[in-house]
C-alpha atoms as a PDB file:
ATOM      1  CA  MET A   1       0.000   0.000   0.000  1.00  0.00           C
ATOM      2  CA  ASN A   2       1.264   3.439  -0.912  1.00  0.00           C
ATOM      3  CA  GLU A   3       0.556   6.068   1.728  1.00  0.00           C
ATOM      4  CA  TRP A   4      -0.063   9.571   0.352  1.00  0.00           C
ATOM      5  CA  VAL A   5       1.540  12.422   2.307  1.00  0.00           C
ATOM      6  CA  VAL A   6       1.390  16.197   2.039  1.00  0.00           C
ATOM      7  CA  PHE A   7       4.401  17.407   0.090  1.00  0.00           C
ATOM      8  CA  LYS A   8       3.460  21.090   0.101  1.00  0.00           C
ATOM      9  CA  GLU A   9       0.562  23.308   1.054  1.00  0.00           C
ATOM     10  CA  VAL A  10       0.179  26.384  -1.122  1.00  0.00           C
ATOM     11  CA  VAL A  11      -2.244  29.242  -1.580  1.00  0.00           C
ATOM     12  CA  GLY A  12      -4.266  29.080  -4.765  1.00  0.00           C
ATOM     13  CA  ASN A  13      -4.471  26.795  -7.742  1.00  0.00           C
ATOM     14  CA  MET A  14      -1.900  28.485  -9.942  1.00  0.00           C
ATOM     15  CA  GLU A  15       1.047  27.575  -7.709  1.00  0.00           C
ATOM     16  CA  ALA A  16      -0.396  24.099  -7.119  1.00  0.00           C
ATOM     17  CA  ASP A  17      -0.656  23.500 -10.875  1.00  0.00           C
ATOM     18  CA  ILE A  18       2.966  24.551 -11.417  1.00  0.00           C
ATOM     19  CA  ILE A  19       4.250  22.260  -8.664  1.00  0.00           C
ATOM     20  CA  LYS A  20       2.063  19.400  -9.891  1.00  0.00           C
ATOM     21  CA  GLY A  21       3.434  19.772 -13.415  1.00  0.00           C
ATOM     22  CA  LYS A  22       7.015  19.754 -12.203  1.00  0.00           C
ATOM     23  CA  LEU A  23       6.504  16.630 -10.095  1.00  0.00           C
ATOM     24  CA  GLU A  24       4.753  14.845 -12.946  1.00  0.00           C
ATOM     25  CA  ALA A  25       7.651  15.738 -15.253  1.00  0.00           C
ATOM     26  CA  TYR A  26       9.811  13.619 -12.930  1.00  0.00           C
ATOM     27  CA  ASP A  27       7.233  10.789 -13.000  1.00  0.00           C
ATOM     28  CA  ILE A  28       6.072  11.450  -9.446  1.00  0.00           C
ATOM     29  CA  PRO A  29       2.335  10.773  -8.986  1.00  0.00           C
ATOM     30  CA  VAL A  30       0.415  13.757  -7.609  1.00  0.00           C
ATOM     31  CA  GLN A  31      -2.983  14.346  -6.046  1.00  0.00           C
ATOM     32  CA  ILE A  32      -4.377  17.765  -5.202  1.00  0.00           C
ATOM     33  CA  ALA A  33      -6.654  18.287  -2.179  1.00  0.00           C
ATOM     34  CA  GLY A  34      -8.767  21.415  -1.789  1.00  0.00           C
ATOM     35  CA  GLU A  35      -8.524  22.360  -5.449  1.00  0.00           C
ATOM     36  CA  ALA A  36     -12.230  22.067  -6.258  1.00  0.00           C
ATOM     37  CA  TYR A  37     -13.381  24.354  -3.464  1.00  0.00           C
ATOM     38  CA  SER A  38     -10.698  26.907  -4.180  1.00  0.00           C
ATOM     39  CA  ARG A  39     -11.624  27.003  -7.889  1.00  0.00           C
ATOM     40  CA  ILE A  40     -15.370  27.216  -7.268  1.00  0.00           C
ATOM     41  CA  ALA A  41     -15.028  29.970  -4.703  1.00  0.00           C
ATOM     42  CA  GLY A  42     -12.435  31.788  -6.820  1.00  0.00           C
ATOM     43  CA  LEU A  43     -10.172  32.102  -3.830  1.00  0.00           C
ATOM     44  CA  GLU A  44      -6.528  32.996  -4.213  1.00  0.00           C
ATOM     45  CA  HIS A  45      -5.890  34.196  -0.667  1.00  0.00           C
ATOM     46  CA  GLY A  46      -7.079  33.489   2.844  1.00  0.00           C
ATOM     47  CA  GLU A  47      -7.525  30.312   4.835  1.00  0.00           C
ATOM     48  CA  MET A  48     -10.028  28.702   2.448  1.00  0.00           C
ATOM     49  CA  SER A  49      -7.652  29.004  -0.520  1.00  0.00           C
ATOM     50  CA  PHE A  50      -5.062  26.493   0.744  1.00  0.00           C
ATOM     51  CA  VAL A  51      -4.406  23.604  -1.609  1.00  0.00           C
ATOM     52  CA  LYS A  52      -2.501  20.496  -0.499  1.00  0.00           C
ATOM     53  CA  ILE A  53      -0.173  18.692  -2.863  1.00  0.00           C
ATOM     54  CA  LEU A  54      -0.025  14.994  -2.018  1.00  0.00           C
ATOM     55  CA  ILE A  55       2.488  12.425  -3.224  1.00  0.00           C
ATOM     56  CA  PRO A  56       3.202   8.815  -2.289  1.00  0.00           C
ATOM     57  CA  ARG A  57       5.525   8.634   0.715  1.00  0.00           C
ATOM     58  CA  LYS A  58       8.116   6.649  -1.260  1.00  0.00           C
ATOM     59  CA  TYR A  59       8.694   9.707  -3.518  1.00  0.00           C
ATOM     60  CA  LEU A  60       8.974  12.272  -0.717  1.00  0.00           C
ATOM     61  CA  GLU A  61      12.763  12.497  -0.471  1.00  0.00           C
ATOM     62  CA  ARG A  62      13.144  12.579  -4.260  1.00  0.00           C
ATOM     63  CA  ALA A  63      10.603  15.395  -4.553  1.00  0.00           C
ATOM     64  CA  LYS A  64      12.331  17.409  -1.822  1.00  0.00           C
ATOM     65  CA  LYS A  65      15.665  17.090  -3.629  1.00  0.00           C
ATOM     66  CA  ILE A  66      14.127  18.199  -6.925  1.00  0.00           C
ATOM     67  CA  PHE A  67      12.801  21.389  -5.346  1.00  0.00           C
ATOM     68  CA  GLU A  68      15.917  22.039  -3.244  1.00  0.00           C
ATOM     69  CA  GLU A  69      18.144  21.826  -6.313  1.00  0.00           C
ATOM     70  CA  GLY A  70      15.802  23.999  -8.350  1.00  0.00           C
ATOM     71  CA  ALA A  71      15.811  21.407 -11.120  1.00  0.00           C
END
């Protein structure tokens, strides 16, 4: 079983989409939580606009390295 963990929590869908695309480019599976509500409400700031980026735990260290190195 692959446990999904929060990789990042960001404000708004634009940043979430960019991070998701980068992770997927490195073949890291991604799920987004909170995206639907944020899009419907049109929120890009405030507590209700937070979007969680989830990845399988086994990819966590790899994803951190990708973003640390700015690859």
